[in-house]
Every structure is written in structure tokens, then in C-alpha cells.
Amino acid sequence: MLRQGLKSDQVQLLSFTVRAKIKYETQELLGYEAEAEVAIDLGSLDRIGMVIDSSLSAGATEVRDVDFTSDSLVIVRERLLAEAVASARKDAEVLARASGGRLGRMLSVSTVPCTGDRMVNVYGLQRATTTATSIAAMTPGMVRVEVAVCTQWEFLK
């Protein structure tokens, strides 16, 4: 893979196994089988065909578990967290008004699920999906990003 222009930090050996190949009936040793599992981070999909072709040309007999992710996940997650907090605040304001008061300052915020011992629990959930571009016969699926926030607010009469 390094000869194909990939950098060493893009290729990771996940496992390497060598096992004896034995004829079951006679227990005769036929040889050895080696298996290596490698993870490759391409950064973009335009090189996936070249990587698969060169892997097969180099002797690989199987390509499996092709996963697609997005380098935008951090950005999307941060945006969704901000939207979830805004949604939680809006819900808390409605609850406070409906209870005859108003919302005070935020006492806590967490991405840990709410528990029943909080004064005002508001669970804001925002979802987003992003797609990657399709290459050849492989179609990337949807990348799902989901965040939840739990907020606690001061209730003012």
C-alpha cells in the first residue's frame, strides 16, 4: 500500500494469523495459511478502486467490511449539540411559563442522559445524516449522527 502512495499513518495492521492447513481425514500437514487484516484510511473515495485492485494484485483473496465515514462528523456533532441545547432551553422556557414562572440561569448541561432527581429535566435530541459520494459498485450508506443533552435550569417565580 505504501508503494501506491499511501502514508504509513493511513495503513494499520489490525491482526495477523498463521495457521496450519491440515487434511482432515489423514491429519496430513498440507501447508500453512496466513491472514492479515488491514485498515486503510483513504481520506477520499477517489482512490478506493486503486487500493482494492492493488490489494488483489498483491495476493489478497478477499476484501470485506468496507466502511464509510465522514471527516465532517466532528463539525456536524458540534452543530447538533448547539441545536440540542437551544431546543432544551426552549422546552424548559415553555415548562417554566406553564408552571407560572420563568426560566433562570442554566445550572448544568451534560451529554449524559437525564435522571429523575433533577428539578427540570429537558432532553433535547437532534439528528442529522450525511452521505458520501458513490464510487463504482460500492455505495456508502448514511452516516448517522445523534446527540442528546440533559440540562438543568433555575426556576424563578
Protein backbone atom coordinates (compact mmCIF):
# COMPACT_ATOMS: atom_id res chain seq x y z
CA MET A 1 0.00 0.00 0.00
CA LEU A 2 2.85 2.35 0.72
CA ARG A 3 4.03 1.90 -2.88
CA GLN A 4 0.61 3.11 -4.00
CA GLY A 5 1.26 6.48 -2.42
CA LEU A 6 -0.42 5.89 0.94
CA LYS A 7 1.34 7.21 4.03
CA SER A 8 2.20 4.88 6.91
CA ASP A 9 -0.35 6.55 9.20
CA GLN A 10 -3.10 5.64 6.69
CA VAL A 11 -2.43 1.89 6.93
CA GLN A 12 -2.89 -0.07 10.14
CA LEU A 13 -2.34 -3.80 10.66
CA LEU A 14 -5.27 -4.95 12.79
CA SER A 15 -4.40 -8.64 13.06
CA PHE A 16 -2.09 -11.27 11.62
CA THR A 17 -2.75 -15.01 11.93
CA VAL A 18 -0.85 -18.06 10.69
CA ARG A 19 -2.47 -21.49 10.96
CA ALA A 20 -1.65 -24.95 9.77
CA LYS A 21 -3.70 -26.32 6.88
CA ILE A 22 -4.34 -29.97 7.64
CA LYS A 23 -6.14 -32.65 5.61
CA TYR A 24 -8.95 -33.67 7.94
CA GLU A 25 -9.09 -37.40 7.10
CA THR A 26 -5.37 -38.15 7.44
CA GLN A 27 -4.22 -35.25 9.61
CA GLU A 28 -1.55 -34.63 6.96
CA LEU A 29 0.01 -31.16 7.04
CA LEU A 30 -0.72 -29.55 3.70
CA GLY A 31 0.90 -26.22 4.42
CA TYR A 32 0.17 -23.01 6.20
CA GLU A 33 -2.36 -20.27 5.72
CA ALA A 34 -1.70 -16.68 6.66
CA GLU A 35 -4.31 -13.98 7.13
CA ALA A 36 -3.72 -10.31 7.70
CA GLU A 37 -6.42 -7.78 8.43
CA VAL A 38 -5.55 -4.24 7.46
CA ALA A 39 -7.42 -0.98 7.92
CA ILE A 40 -6.78 1.75 5.38
CA ASP A 41 -7.89 5.36 5.82
CA LEU A 42 -8.09 6.89 2.36
CA GLY A 43 -9.41 10.32 3.21
CA SER A 44 -11.35 10.40 -0.06
CA LEU A 45 -13.20 7.85 -2.12
CA ASP A 46 -11.49 8.55 -5.43
CA ARG A 47 -8.67 6.06 -4.63
CA ILE A 48 -10.73 3.14 -3.32
CA GLY A 49 -10.71 1.25 -6.65
CA MET A 50 -6.92 1.57 -6.95
CA VAL A 51 -6.42 0.32 -3.38
CA ILE A 52 -8.69 -2.69 -3.86
CA ASP A 53 -7.15 -3.54 -7.25
CA SER A 54 -3.59 -3.31 -5.94
CA SER A 55 -4.51 -5.41 -2.87
CA LEU A 56 -5.94 -8.15 -5.07
CA SER A 57 -2.96 -7.93 -7.44
CA ALA A 58 -0.61 -8.32 -4.47
CA GLY A 59 -2.29 -11.59 -3.45
CA ALA A 60 -5.25 -10.63 -1.31
CA THR A 61 -8.10 -13.09 -1.84
CA GLU A 62 -10.83 -11.22 -0.03
CA VAL A 63 -11.90 -7.64 0.58
CA ARG A 64 -14.54 -7.26 3.27
CA ASP A 65 -16.06 -4.77 5.65
CA VAL A 66 -15.59 -1.63 3.58
CA ASP A 67 -16.76 1.12 5.93
CA PHE A 68 -17.52 4.68 5.01
CA THR A 69 -17.25 7.52 7.49
CA SER A 70 -17.11 11.26 7.18
CA ASP A 71 -14.39 13.62 8.33
CA SER A 72 -17.19 16.12 8.95
CA LEU A 73 -18.59 14.16 11.90
CA VAL A 74 -16.95 16.41 14.50
CA ILE A 75 -18.35 19.54 12.85
CA VAL A 76 -21.81 18.02 12.50
CA ARG A 77 -21.77 16.78 16.10
CA GLU A 78 -20.81 20.21 17.44
CA ARG A 79 -23.60 21.86 15.42
CA LEU A 80 -26.11 19.29 16.67
CA LEU A 81 -25.03 19.76 20.29
CA ALA A 82 -25.63 23.51 19.96
CA GLU A 83 -29.06 22.83 18.40
CA ALA A 84 -29.91 20.32 21.14
CA VAL A 85 -29.04 22.82 23.89
CA ALA A 86 -31.14 25.52 22.16
CA SER A 87 -34.03 23.06 21.88
CA ALA A 88 -33.67 22.06 25.54
CA ARG A 89 -33.70 25.74 26.56
CA LYS A 90 -36.84 26.41 24.52
CA ASP A 91 -38.59 23.40 26.07
CA ALA A 92 -37.52 24.48 29.57
CA GLU A 93 -38.86 28.00 28.95
CA VAL A 94 -42.24 26.57 27.91
CA LEU A 95 -42.32 24.34 31.01
CA ALA A 96 -41.40 27.24 33.28
CA ARG A 97 -44.11 29.52 31.80
CA ALA A 98 -46.68 26.71 32.01
CA SER A 99 -45.77 26.32 35.69
CA GLY A 100 -46.30 30.02 36.40
CA GLY A 101 -42.68 31.06 36.45
CA ARG A 102 -39.80 31.85 34.21
CA LEU A 103 -36.52 30.26 33.35
CA GLY A 104 -33.45 31.31 35.29
CA ARG A 105 -29.83 30.52 34.63
CA MET A 106 -28.58 27.17 33.41
CA LEU A 107 -27.35 25.10 36.34
CA SER A 108 -25.87 22.21 34.40
CA VAL A 109 -25.65 20.71 30.96
CA SER A 110 -24.42 17.25 30.03
CA THR A 111 -24.43 14.72 27.25
CA VAL A 112 -25.15 12.08 29.90
CA PRO A 113 -28.82 11.02 29.93
CA CYS A 114 -31.08 12.76 32.44
CA THR A 115 -32.01 11.07 35.70
CA GLY A 116 -35.20 11.51 37.69
CA ASP A 117 -33.63 13.55 40.51
CA ARG A 118 -33.30 16.79 38.57
CA MET A 119 -35.68 19.73 39.12
CA VAL A 120 -36.31 20.39 35.45
CA ASN A 121 -35.20 17.71 33.02
CA VAL A 122 -35.21 18.54 29.37
CA TYR A 123 -33.96 16.05 26.85
CA GLY A 124 -33.04 17.62 23.52
CA LEU A 125 -32.43 15.24 20.67
CA GLN A 126 -31.19 16.33 17.27
CA ARG A 127 -30.38 14.05 14.35
CA ALA A 128 -28.57 14.55 11.09
CA THR A 129 -27.41 12.37 8.27
CA THR A 130 -24.70 12.96 5.77
CA THR A 131 -23.82 10.98 2.68
CA ALA A 132 -20.60 10.33 0.89
CA THR A 133 -20.21 10.16 -2.87
CA SER A 134 -20.65 6.77 -4.52
CA ILE A 135 -17.73 5.09 -6.26
CA ALA A 136 -18.05 2.12 -8.61
CA ALA A 137 -20.43 -0.57 -7.30
CA MET A 138 -19.87 0.34 -3.66
CA THR A 139 -22.43 2.68 -2.21
CA PRO A 140 -21.67 4.40 1.05
CA GLY A 141 -24.55 4.33 3.47
CA MET A 142 -25.87 7.13 5.55
CA VAL A 143 -23.64 8.28 8.36
CA ARG A 144 -25.91 8.91 11.33
CA VAL A 145 -25.00 11.44 13.98
CA GLU A 146 -27.17 11.61 17.07
CA VAL A 147 -26.66 13.71 20.18
CA ALA A 148 -28.60 14.10 23.40
CA VAL A 149 -28.23 16.73 26.07
CA CYS A 150 -29.63 16.96 29.56
CA THR A 151 -29.98 20.41 31.05
CA GLN A 152 -30.93 21.66 34.48
CA TRP A 153 -32.28 25.19 34.86
CA GLU A 154 -33.08 27.50 37.69
CA PHE A 155 -36.87 28.06 38.08
CA LEU A 156 -37.85 31.61 39.03
CA LYS A 157 -41.32 32.61 40.30
